[in-house]
PDB file of N, CA and C in Angstrom:
ATOM      1  N   MET A   1     -26.850 -23.814  69.749  1.00  0.00           N
ATOM      2  CA  MET A   1     -26.460 -24.257  71.083  1.00  0.00           C
ATOM      3  C   MET A   1     -26.314 -25.773  71.053  1.00  0.00           C
ATOM      4  N   SER A   2     -25.203 -26.266  71.575  1.00  0.00           N
ATOM      5  CA  SER A   2     -24.994 -27.716  71.579  1.00  0.00           C
ATOM      6  C   SER A   2     -25.832 -28.371  72.673  1.00  0.00           C
ATOM      7  N   VAL A   3     -25.994 -29.650  72.545  1.00  0.00           N
ATOM      8  CA  VAL A   3     -26.738 -30.419  73.550  1.00  0.00           C
ATOM      9  C   VAL A   3     -26.073 -30.262  74.907  1.00  0.00           C
ATOM     10  N   TYR A   4     -24.761 -30.327  74.949  1.00  0.00           N
ATOM     11  CA  TYR A   4     -24.034 -30.239  76.211  1.00  0.00           C
ATOM     12  C   TYR A   4     -24.204 -28.873  76.865  1.00  0.00           C
ATOM     13  N   THR A   5     -24.192 -27.821  76.045  1.00  0.00           N
ATOM     14  CA  THR A   5     -24.403 -26.480  76.566  1.00  0.00           C
ATOM     15  C   THR A   5     -25.826 -26.336  77.096  1.00  0.00           C
ATOM     16  N   ARG A   6     -26.780 -26.895  76.366  1.00  0.00           N
ATOM     17  CA  ARG A   6     -28.184 -26.831  76.803  1.00  0.00           C
ATOM     18  C   ARG A   6     -28.382 -27.559  78.123  1.00  0.00           C
ATOM     19  N   LEU A   7     -27.801 -28.741  78.256  1.00  0.00           N
ATOM     20  CA  LEU A   7     -27.908 -29.491  79.513  1.00  0.00           C
ATOM     21  C   LEU A   7     -27.305 -28.697  80.663  1.00  0.00           C
ATOM     22  N   GLN A   8     -26.151 -28.107  80.424  1.00  0.00           N
ATOM     23  CA  GLN A   8     -25.491 -27.307  81.454  1.00  0.00           C
ATOM     24  C   GLN A   8     -26.364 -26.103  81.816  1.00  0.00           C
ATOM     25  N   HIS A   9     -26.950 -25.464  80.823  1.00  0.00           N
ATOM     26  CA  HIS A   9     -27.822 -24.314  81.034  1.00  0.00           C
ATOM     27  C   HIS A   9     -29.027 -24.690  81.900  1.00  0.00           C
ATOM     28  N   LEU A  10     -29.546 -25.900  81.694  1.00  0.00           N
ATOM     29  CA  LEU A  10     -30.696 -26.383  82.459  1.00  0.00           C
ATOM     30  C   LEU A  10     -30.308 -26.934  83.829  1.00  0.00           C
ATOM     31  N   GLY A  11     -29.000 -26.999  84.094  1.00  0.00           N
ATOM     32  CA  GLY A  11     -28.539 -27.525  85.385  1.00  0.00           C
ATOM     33  C   GLY A  11     -28.618 -29.038  85.482  1.00  0.00           C
ATOM     34  N   LEU A  12     -28.590 -29.702  84.337  1.00  0.00           N
ATOM     35  CA  LEU A  12     -28.680 -31.158  84.314  1.00  0.00           C
ATOM     36  C   LEU A  12     -27.307 -31.768  84.076  1.00  0.00           C
ATOM     37  N   THR A  13     -27.019 -32.829  84.806  1.00  0.00           N
ATOM     38  CA  THR A  13     -25.791 -33.576  84.575  1.00  0.00           C
ATOM     39  C   THR A  13     -26.150 -35.027  84.308  1.00  0.00           C
ATOM     40  N   LEU A  14     -25.498 -35.609  83.346  1.00  0.00           N
ATOM     41  CA  LEU A  14     -25.747 -37.005  83.003  1.00  0.00           C
ATOM     42  C   LEU A  14     -24.816 -37.899  83.811  1.00  0.00           C
ATOM     43  N   PRO A  15     -25.310 -39.080  84.218  1.00  0.00           N
ATOM     44  CA  PRO A  15     -24.433 -40.009  84.928  1.00  0.00           C
ATOM     45  C   PRO A  15     -23.366 -40.534  83.971  1.00  0.00           C
ATOM     46  N   PRO A  16     -22.238 -40.982  84.520  1.00  0.00           N
ATOM     47  CA  PRO A  16     -21.204 -41.526  83.636  1.00  0.00           C
ATOM     48  C   PRO A  16     -21.701 -42.775  82.917  1.00  0.00           C
ATOM     49  N   VAL A  17     -21.196 -42.988  81.726  1.00  0.00           N
ATOM     50  CA  VAL A  17     -21.574 -44.154  80.935  1.00  0.00           C
ATOM     51  C   VAL A  17     -20.965 -45.395  81.570  1.00  0.00           C
ATOM     52  N   ALA A  18     -21.783 -46.410  81.752  1.00  0.00           N
ATOM     53  CA  ALA A  18     -21.300 -47.662  82.331  1.00  0.00           C
ATOM     54  C   ALA A  18     -20.416 -48.390  81.325  1.00  0.00           C
ATOM     55  N   VAL A  19     -19.334 -48.920  81.806  1.00  0.00           N
ATOM     56  CA  VAL A  19     -18.425 -49.679  80.956  1.00  0.00           C
ATOM     57  C   VAL A  19     -18.918 -51.117  80.898  1.00  0.00           C
ATOM     58  N   PRO A  20     -19.148 -51.658  79.691  1.00  0.00           N
ATOM     59  CA  PRO A  20     -19.618 -53.036  79.607  1.00  0.00           C
ATOM     60  C   PRO A  20     -18.579 -54.015  80.140  1.00  0.00           C
ATOM     61  N   ALA A  21     -19.059 -55.074  80.756  1.00  0.00           N
ATOM     62  CA  ALA A  21     -18.170 -56.093  81.324  1.00  0.00           C
ATOM     63  C   ALA A  21     -17.617 -57.010  80.233  1.00  0.00           C
ATOM     64  N   ALA A  22     -18.267 -57.011  79.075  1.00  0.00           N
ATOM     65  CA  ALA A  22     -17.829 -57.857  77.960  1.00  0.00           C
ATOM     66  C   ALA A  22     -18.466 -57.311  76.678  1.00  0.00           C
ATOM     67  N   ALA A  23     -18.200 -57.968  75.559  1.00  0.00           N
ATOM     68  CA  ALA A  23     -18.807 -57.571  74.291  1.00  0.00           C
ATOM     69  C   ALA A  23     -20.129 -58.321  74.146  1.00  0.00           C
ATOM     70  N   TYR A  24     -21.216 -57.586  74.169  1.00  0.00           N
ATOM     71  CA  TYR A  24     -22.536 -58.191  74.114  1.00  0.00           C
ATOM     72  C   TYR A  24     -23.217 -57.893  72.786  1.00  0.00           C
ATOM     73  N   VAL A  25     -24.023 -58.822  72.326  1.00  0.00           N
ATOM     74  CA  VAL A  25     -24.962 -58.528  71.259  1.00  0.00           C
ATOM     75  C   VAL A  25     -26.269 -58.186  71.971  1.00  0.00           C
ATOM     76  N   PRO A  26     -27.047 -57.228  71.450  1.00  0.00           N
ATOM     77  CA  PRO A  26     -28.242 -56.811  72.181  1.00  0.00           C
ATOM     78  C   PRO A  26     -29.275 -57.928  72.362  1.00  0.00           C
ATOM     79  N   PHE A  27     -29.417 -58.783  71.344  1.00  0.00           N
ATOM     80  CA  PHE A  27     -30.377 -59.883  71.466  1.00  0.00           C
ATOM     81  C   PHE A  27     -30.067 -60.943  70.416  1.00  0.00           C
ATOM     82  N   VAL A  28     -30.581 -62.142  70.667  1.00  0.00           N
ATOM     83  CA  VAL A  28     -30.509 -63.241  69.703  1.00  0.00           C
ATOM     84  C   VAL A  28     -31.899 -63.851  69.654  1.00  0.00           C
ATOM     85  N   GLN A  29     -32.424 -64.016  68.444  1.00  0.00           N
ATOM     86  CA  GLN A  29     -33.746 -64.606  68.286  1.00  0.00           C
ATOM     87  C   GLN A  29     -33.604 -65.974  67.659  1.00  0.00           C
ATOM     88  N   THR A  30     -34.305 -66.931  68.248  1.00  0.00           N
ATOM     89  CA  THR A  30     -34.372 -68.260  67.672  1.00  0.00           C
ATOM     90  C   THR A  30     -35.833 -68.698  67.727  1.00  0.00           C
ATOM     91  N   GLY A  31     -36.440 -68.805  66.557  1.00  0.00           N
ATOM     92  CA  GLY A  31     -37.874 -69.119  66.506  1.00  0.00           C
ATOM     93  C   GLY A  31     -38.675 -68.003  67.144  1.00  0.00           C
ATOM     94  N   ARG A  32     -39.500 -68.368  68.124  1.00  0.00           N
ATOM     95  CA  ARG A  32     -40.337 -67.385  68.820  1.00  0.00           C
ATOM     96  C   ARG A  32     -39.693 -66.884  70.105  1.00  0.00           C
ATOM     97  N   LEU A  33     -38.469 -67.306  70.394  1.00  0.00           N
ATOM     98  CA  LEU A  33     -37.784 -66.883  71.611  1.00  0.00           C
ATOM     99  C   LEU A  33     -36.775 -65.792  71.302  1.00  0.00           C
ATOM    100  N   VAL A  34     -36.681 -64.815  72.191  1.00  0.00           N
ATOM    101  CA  VAL A  34     -35.675 -63.762  72.090  1.00  0.00           C
ATOM    102  C   VAL A  34     -34.877 -63.777  73.380  1.00  0.00           C
ATOM    103  N   PHE A  35     -33.558 -63.914  73.272  1.00  0.00           N
ATOM    104  CA  PHE A  35     -32.679 -63.902  74.426  1.00  0.00           C
ATOM    105  C   PHE A  35     -31.983 -62.548  74.489  1.00  0.00           C
ATOM    106  N   LEU A  36     -32.084 -61.877  75.622  1.00  0.00           N
ATOM    107  CA  LEU A  36     -31.459 -60.574  75.817  1.00  0.00           C
ATOM    108  C   LEU A  36     -30.171 -60.746  76.602  1.00  0.00           C
ATOM    109  N   SER A  37     -29.205 -59.876  76.319  1.00  0.00           N
ATOM    110  CA  SER A  37     -27.937 -59.938  77.027  1.00  0.00           C
ATOM    111  C   SER A  37     -27.426 -58.529  77.272  1.00  0.00           C
ATOM    112  N   GLY A  38     -26.902 -58.300  78.463  1.00  0.00           N
ATOM    113  CA  GLY A  38     -26.287 -57.011  78.763  1.00  0.00           C
ATOM    114  C   GLY A  38     -27.264 -55.928  79.134  1.00  0.00           C
ATOM    115  N   HIS A  39     -28.512 -56.270  79.374  1.00  0.00           N
ATOM    116  CA  HIS A  39     -29.525 -55.288  79.748  1.00  0.00           C
ATOM    117  C   HIS A  39     -29.956 -55.559  81.177  1.00  0.00           C
ATOM    118  N   ILE A  40     -30.044 -54.514  81.960  1.00  0.00           N
ATOM    119  CA  ILE A  40     -30.486 -54.663  83.341  1.00  0.00           C
ATOM    120  C   ILE A  40     -31.713 -53.790  83.536  1.00  0.00           C
ATOM    121  N   ALA A  41     -32.833 -54.425  83.824  1.00  0.00           N
ATOM    122  CA  ALA A  41     -34.049 -53.677  84.133  1.00  0.00           C
ATOM    123  C   ALA A  41     -33.940 -53.202  85.573  1.00  0.00           C
ATOM    124  N   LYS A  42     -34.296 -51.953  85.792  1.00  0.00           N
ATOM    125  CA  LYS A  42     -34.233 -51.413  87.148  1.00  0.00           C
ATOM    126  C   LYS A  42     -35.568 -50.808  87.518  1.00  0.00           C
ATOM    127  N   ARG A  43     -35.909 -50.950  88.778  1.00  0.00           N
ATOM    128  CA  ARG A  43     -37.117 -50.335  89.338  1.00  0.00           C
ATOM    129  C   ARG A  43     -36.698 -49.703  90.650  1.00  0.00           C
ATOM    130  N   ASP A  44     -36.959 -48.424  90.782  1.00  0.00           N
ATOM    131  CA  ASP A  44     -36.553 -47.664  91.967  1.00  0.00           C
ATOM    132  C   ASP A  44     -35.049 -47.754  92.197  1.00  0.00           C
ATOM    133  N   GLY A  45     -34.267 -47.782  91.099  1.00  0.00           N
ATOM    134  CA  GLY A  45     -32.817 -47.800  91.190  1.00  0.00           C
ATOM    135  C   GLY A  45     -32.207 -49.145  91.529  1.00  0.00           C
ATOM    136  N   LYS A  46     -33.036 -50.175  91.659  1.00  0.00           N
ATOM    137  CA  LYS A  46     -32.533 -51.513  92.005  1.00  0.00           C
ATOM    138  C   LYS A  46     -32.836 -52.477  90.858  1.00  0.00           C
ATOM    139  N   PRO A  47     -31.970 -53.479  90.650  1.00  0.00           N
ATOM    140  CA  PRO A  47     -32.249 -54.457  89.588  1.00  0.00           C
ATOM    141  C   PRO A  47     -33.623 -55.088  89.780  1.00  0.00           C
ATOM    142  N   TRP A  48     -34.336 -55.212  88.665  1.00  0.00           N
ATOM    143  CA  TRP A  48     -35.694 -55.766  88.686  1.00  0.00           C
ATOM    144  C   TRP A  48     -35.674 -57.046  87.880  1.00  0.00           C
ATOM    145  N   VAL A  49     -35.915 -58.163  88.535  1.00  0.00           N
ATOM    146  CA  VAL A  49     -35.842 -59.461  87.863  1.00  0.00           C
ATOM    147  C   VAL A  49     -37.175 -60.176  87.952  1.00  0.00           C
ATOM    148  N   GLY A  50     -37.393 -61.073  87.029  1.00  0.00           N
ATOM    149  CA  GLY A  50     -38.607 -61.868  87.030  1.00  0.00           C
ATOM    150  C   GLY A  50     -38.762 -62.586  85.715  1.00  0.00           C
ATOM    151  N   GLN A  51     -39.782 -63.408  85.643  1.00  0.00           N
ATOM    152  CA  GLN A  51     -40.063 -64.151  84.427  1.00  0.00           C
ATOM    153  C   GLN A  51     -41.552 -64.010  84.124  1.00  0.00           C
ATOM    154  N   LEU A  52     -41.839 -63.522  82.911  1.00  0.00           N
ATOM    155  CA  LEU A  52     -43.237 -63.338  82.534  1.00  0.00           C
ATOM    156  C   LEU A  52     -43.997 -64.649  82.643  1.00  0.00           C
ATOM    157  N   GLY A  53     -45.163 -64.566  83.247  1.00  0.00           N
ATOM    158  CA  GLY A  53     -46.002 -65.744  83.391  1.00  0.00           C
ATOM    159  C   GLY A  53     -45.662 -66.584  84.608  1.00  0.00           C
ATOM    160  N   LEU A  54     -44.474 -66.383  85.175  1.00  0.00           N
ATOM    161  CA  LEU A  54     -44.087 -67.168  86.354  1.00  0.00           C
ATOM    162  C   LEU A  54     -44.073 -66.289  87.601  1.00  0.00           C
ATOM    163  N   THR A  55     -43.338 -65.183  87.543  1.00  0.00           N
ATOM    164  CA  THR A  55     -43.229 -64.309  88.717  1.00  0.00           C
ATOM    165  C   THR A  55     -43.853 -62.940  88.491  1.00  0.00           C
ATOM    166  N   MET A  56     -44.302 -62.666  87.256  1.00  0.00           N
ATOM    167  CA  MET A  56     -44.954 -61.376  86.985  1.00  0.00           C
ATOM    168  C   MET A  56     -45.931 -61.512  85.834  1.00  0.00           C
ATOM    169  N   THR A  57     -46.888 -60.600  85.816  1.00  0.00           N
ATOM    170  CA  THR A  57     -47.886 -60.585  84.754  1.00  0.00           C
ATOM    171  C   THR A  57     -47.327 -59.867  83.530  1.00  0.00           C
ATOM    172  N   THR A  58     -48.028 -59.995  82.421  1.00  0.00           N
ATOM    173  CA  THR A  58     -47.617 -59.298  81.204  1.00  0.00           C
ATOM    174  C   THR A  58     -47.625 -57.786  81.439  1.00  0.00           C
ATOM    175  N   GLU A  59     -48.612 -57.276  82.155  1.00  0.00           N
ATOM    176  CA  GLU A  59     -48.691 -55.847  82.438  1.00  0.00           C
ATOM    177  C   GLU A  59     -47.487 -55.372  83.239  1.00  0.00           C
ATOM    178  N   GLU A  60     -47.067 -56.165  84.228  1.00  0.00           N
ATOM    179  CA  GLU A  60     -45.888 -55.813  85.027  1.00  0.00           C
ATOM    180  C   GLU A  60     -44.632 -55.820  84.150  1.00  0.00           C
ATOM    181  N   GLY A  61     -44.537 -56.761  83.241  1.00  0.00           N
ATOM    182  CA  GLY A  61     -43.394 -56.834  82.343  1.00  0.00           C
ATOM    183  C   GLY A  61     -43.358 -55.670  81.374  1.00  0.00           C
ATOM    184  N   GLN A  62     -44.515 -55.228  80.915  1.00  0.00           N
ATOM    185  CA  GLN A  62     -44.574 -54.086  80.011  1.00  0.00           C
ATOM    186  C   GLN A  62     -44.128 -52.810  80.710  1.00  0.00           C
ATOM    187  N   ALA A  63     -44.415 -52.700  81.998  1.00  0.00           N
ATOM    188  CA  ALA A  63     -44.017 -51.506  82.766  1.00  0.00           C
ATOM    189  C   ALA A  63     -42.503 -51.418  82.794  1.00  0.00           C
TER     190      ALA A  63
END
C-alpha cells in the first residue's frame, strides 16, 4: 500500500506545499552563530517570533 493510499484510507489530507518566495539555503554558520533563512516558526497557526535571551527563555525557544 502506498503512502498516499494509506493517508486516503485514514481520511487524512495533507495541506498543499508552500511555494518558496526565493531560493533559500537552510542555514549559514559563522563561528558560534547560525543564521536561519526561509523558516517560519508557528504557534497556534500564527507566526511565532522572538529572540532567545531577549524576548523568550531557552525553554520557550526549545518548544
